[in-house]
Amino acid sequence: MGAKTLWRHVAISLIAAGPAGGFLFGVLNAGDPDPNPVGRVAYALLMAAVTPLHAGFPPNGEAGPGQSFNIWPHIAISFLLFLGGFLYRDRKLSRQRGVRAEQKWRSNS
């Protein structure tokens, strides 16, 4: 894998980590204590859109002081998962290409 491919994987992972981290936060910390799956998914989709717009600190639901959240740990975990997935896929594909090239070389010999 070349440096250009690695930087491309890092850039795509950084771009995708914001909404994915917001979605992860929304699923884990839903606003209401009711374990309603539809409500949790709707809240998670809302947080996926709002989190990148507010730089990882979503707004409070009420006016005035309240508990503020820091979603950067969720974003970091999402970044590492995306980057690990891309690197695993790239490594697996390069091994398959190497096996195919070796089989082609042996069949031509």
C-alpha atoms as a PDB file:
ATOM      1  CA  MET A   1       0.000   0.000   0.000  1.00  0.00           C
ATOM      2  CA  GLY A   2       1.347   3.357  -0.989  1.00  0.00           C
ATOM      3  CA  ALA A   3       1.370   6.586   0.957  1.00  0.00           C
ATOM      4  CA  LYS A   4      -1.262   8.074  -1.340  1.00  0.00           C
ATOM      5  CA  THR A   5      -3.669   5.224  -0.585  1.00  0.00           C
ATOM      6  CA  LEU A   6      -3.027   5.523   3.148  1.00  0.00           C
ATOM      7  CA  TRP A   7      -3.709   9.285   3.124  1.00  0.00           C
ATOM      8  CA  ARG A   8      -6.886   8.684   1.131  1.00  0.00           C
ATOM      9  CA  HIS A   9      -8.067   6.159   3.727  1.00  0.00           C
ATOM     10  CA  VAL A  10      -7.254   8.595   6.548  1.00  0.00           C
ATOM     11  CA  ALA A  11      -9.144  11.441   4.830  1.00  0.00           C
ATOM     12  CA  ILE A  12     -12.242   9.339   4.155  1.00  0.00           C
ATOM     13  CA  SER A  13     -12.186   8.028   7.730  1.00  0.00           C
ATOM     14  CA  LEU A  14     -11.950  11.565   9.137  1.00  0.00           C
ATOM     15  CA  ILE A  15     -14.864  12.751   7.018  1.00  0.00           C
ATOM     16  CA  ALA A  16     -17.063   9.782   7.925  1.00  0.00           C
ATOM     17  CA  ALA A  17     -16.148   9.760  11.640  1.00  0.00           C
ATOM     18  CA  GLY A  18     -18.136  12.898  12.534  1.00  0.00           C
ATOM     19  CA  PRO A  19     -21.591  11.676  11.553  1.00  0.00           C
ATOM     20  CA  ALA A  20     -20.809   8.109  12.647  1.00  0.00           C
ATOM     21  CA  GLY A  21     -19.673   9.326  16.079  1.00  0.00           C
ATOM     22  CA  GLY A  22     -22.838  11.398  16.398  1.00  0.00           C
ATOM     23  CA  PHE A  23     -24.944   8.384  15.456  1.00  0.00           C
ATOM     24  CA  LEU A  24     -23.113   6.233  18.003  1.00  0.00           C
ATOM     25  CA  PHE A  25     -23.689   8.889  20.670  1.00  0.00           C
ATOM     26  CA  GLY A  26     -27.376   9.121  19.762  1.00  0.00           C
ATOM     27  CA  VAL A  27     -27.863   5.370  20.058  1.00  0.00           C
ATOM     28  CA  LEU A  28     -26.038   5.091  23.380  1.00  0.00           C
ATOM     29  CA  ASN A  29     -27.338   8.292  25.045  1.00  0.00           C
ATOM     30  CA  ALA A  30     -30.896   8.759  23.868  1.00  0.00           C
ATOM     31  CA  GLY A  31     -32.733  11.738  25.347  1.00  0.00           C
ATOM     32  CA  ASP A  32     -35.560   9.826  26.984  1.00  0.00           C
ATOM     33  CA  PRO A  33     -35.178   6.918  29.412  1.00  0.00           C
ATOM     34  CA  ASP A  34     -37.756   4.889  27.468  1.00  0.00           C
ATOM     35  CA  PRO A  35     -36.037   2.063  25.563  1.00  0.00           C
ATOM     36  CA  ASN A  36     -38.012   2.822  22.411  1.00  0.00           C
ATOM     37  CA  PRO A  37     -35.905   1.574  19.456  1.00  0.00           C
ATOM     38  CA  VAL A  38     -37.596   3.851  16.911  1.00  0.00           C
ATOM     39  CA  GLY A  39     -37.011   6.891  19.122  1.00  0.00           C
ATOM     40  CA  ARG A  40     -33.389   5.942  19.675  1.00  0.00           C
ATOM     41  CA  VAL A  41     -32.762   5.574  15.934  1.00  0.00           C
ATOM     42  CA  ALA A  42     -34.497   8.883  15.205  1.00  0.00           C
ATOM     43  CA  TYR A  43     -32.430  10.634  17.911  1.00  0.00           C
ATOM     44  CA  ALA A  44     -29.276   8.963  16.577  1.00  0.00           C
ATOM     45  CA  LEU A  45     -29.989  10.210  13.038  1.00  0.00           C
ATOM     46  CA  LEU A  46     -30.551  13.716  14.420  1.00  0.00           C
ATOM     47  CA  MET A  47     -27.246  13.589  16.313  1.00  0.00           C
ATOM     48  CA  ALA A  48     -25.477  12.284  13.196  1.00  0.00           C
ATOM     49  CA  ALA A  49     -26.531  15.464  11.368  1.00  0.00           C
ATOM     50  CA  VAL A  50     -26.035  17.932  14.246  1.00  0.00           C
ATOM     51  CA  THR A  51     -22.699  16.732  15.648  1.00  0.00           C
ATOM     52  CA  PRO A  52     -20.455  17.766  12.707  1.00  0.00           C
ATOM     53  CA  LEU A  53     -22.230  21.123  12.513  1.00  0.00           C
ATOM     54  CA  HIS A  54     -21.421  21.862  16.163  1.00  0.00           C
ATOM     55  CA  ALA A  55     -17.827  20.529  16.049  1.00  0.00           C
ATOM     56  CA  GLY A  56     -18.452  17.546  18.312  1.00  0.00           C
ATOM     57  CA  PHE A  57     -20.422  19.372  21.009  1.00  0.00           C
ATOM     58  CA  PRO A  58     -24.158  18.997  20.324  1.00  0.00           C
ATOM     59  CA  PRO A  59     -26.478  21.706  21.641  1.00  0.00           C
ATOM     60  CA  ASN A  60     -28.452  21.236  24.825  1.00  0.00           C
ATOM     61  CA  GLY A  61     -32.131  20.469  24.486  1.00  0.00           C
ATOM     62  CA  GLU A  62     -33.160  23.103  27.010  1.00  0.00           C
ATOM     63  CA  ALA A  63     -32.328  26.770  27.294  1.00  0.00           C
ATOM     64  CA  GLY A  64     -29.842  27.816  29.910  1.00  0.00           C
ATOM     65  CA  PRO A  65     -27.303  25.732  31.744  1.00  0.00           C
ATOM     66  CA  GLY A  66     -27.461  22.024  31.361  1.00  0.00           C
ATOM     67  CA  GLN A  67     -25.329  19.008  30.901  1.00  0.00           C
ATOM     68  CA  SER A  68     -23.055  19.439  27.908  1.00  0.00           C
ATOM     69  CA  PHE A  69     -21.699  16.469  26.030  1.00  0.00           C
ATOM     70  CA  ASN A  70     -18.338  15.910  24.411  1.00  0.00           C
ATOM     71  CA  ILE A  71     -18.671  13.545  21.481  1.00  0.00           C
ATOM     72  CA  TRP A  72     -14.994  13.541  20.503  1.00  0.00           C
ATOM     73  CA  PRO A  73     -14.346  10.113  22.115  1.00  0.00           C
ATOM     74  CA  HIS A  74     -17.163   8.663  19.983  1.00  0.00           C
ATOM     75  CA  ILE A  75     -15.706  10.360  16.902  1.00  0.00           C
ATOM     76  CA  ALA A  76     -12.226   8.977  17.666  1.00  0.00           C
ATOM     77  CA  ILE A  77     -13.586   5.444  18.075  1.00  0.00           C
ATOM     78  CA  SER A  78     -15.497   5.774  14.793  1.00  0.00           C
ATOM     79  CA  PHE A  79     -12.368   7.046  13.038  1.00  0.00           C
ATOM     80  CA  LEU A  80     -10.331   4.081  14.251  1.00  0.00           C
ATOM     81  CA  LEU A  81     -13.049   1.621  13.213  1.00  0.00           C
ATOM     82  CA  PHE A  82     -13.309   3.126   9.717  1.00  0.00           C
ATOM     83  CA  LEU A  83      -9.534   3.288   9.249  1.00  0.00           C
ATOM     84  CA  GLY A  84      -9.081  -0.264  10.534  1.00  0.00           C
ATOM     85  CA  GLY A  85     -11.792  -1.494   8.175  1.00  0.00           C
ATOM     86  CA  PHE A  86     -10.191   0.234   5.197  1.00  0.00           C
ATOM     87  CA  LEU A  87      -6.729  -1.104   6.036  1.00  0.00           C
ATOM     88  CA  TYR A  88      -8.056  -4.636   6.574  1.00  0.00           C
ATOM     89  CA  ARG A  89      -9.920  -4.541   3.262  1.00  0.00           C
ATOM     90  CA  ASP A  90      -6.881  -3.158   1.423  1.00  0.00           C
ATOM     91  CA  ARG A  91      -4.590  -5.799   2.929  1.00  0.00           C
ATOM     92  CA  LYS A  92      -7.018  -8.581   2.059  1.00  0.00           C
ATOM     93  CA  LEU A  93      -7.379  -7.353  -1.537  1.00  0.00           C
ATOM     94  CA  SER A  94      -3.614  -7.014  -1.998  1.00  0.00           C
ATOM     95  CA  ARG A  95      -3.119 -10.594  -0.805  1.00  0.00           C
ATOM     96  CA  GLN A  96      -5.757 -11.826  -3.262  1.00  0.00           C
ATOM     97  CA  ARG A  97      -4.081  -9.909  -6.076  1.00  0.00           C
ATOM     98  CA  GLY A  98      -0.733 -11.447  -5.126  1.00  0.00           C
ATOM     99  CA  VAL A  99      -2.155 -14.975  -5.156  1.00  0.00           C
ATOM    100  CA  ARG A 100      -3.815 -14.398  -8.527  1.00  0.00           C
ATOM    101  CA  ALA A 101      -0.617 -12.981 -10.025  1.00  0.00           C
ATOM    102  CA  GLU A 102       1.365 -15.953  -8.739  1.00  0.00           C
ATOM    103  CA  GLN A 103      -1.154 -18.434 -10.156  1.00  0.00           C
ATOM    104  CA  LYS A 104      -1.082 -16.647 -13.518  1.00  0.00           C
ATOM    105  CA  TRP A 105       2.717 -16.667 -13.517  1.00  0.00           C
ATOM    106  CA  ARG A 106       2.837 -20.401 -12.732  1.00  0.00           C
ATOM    107  CA  SER A 107       0.293 -21.231 -15.439  1.00  0.00           C
ATOM    108  CA  ASN A 108       2.360 -19.344 -18.039  1.00  0.00           C
ATOM    109  CA  SER A 109       5.580 -21.140 -17.043  1.00  0.00           C
END
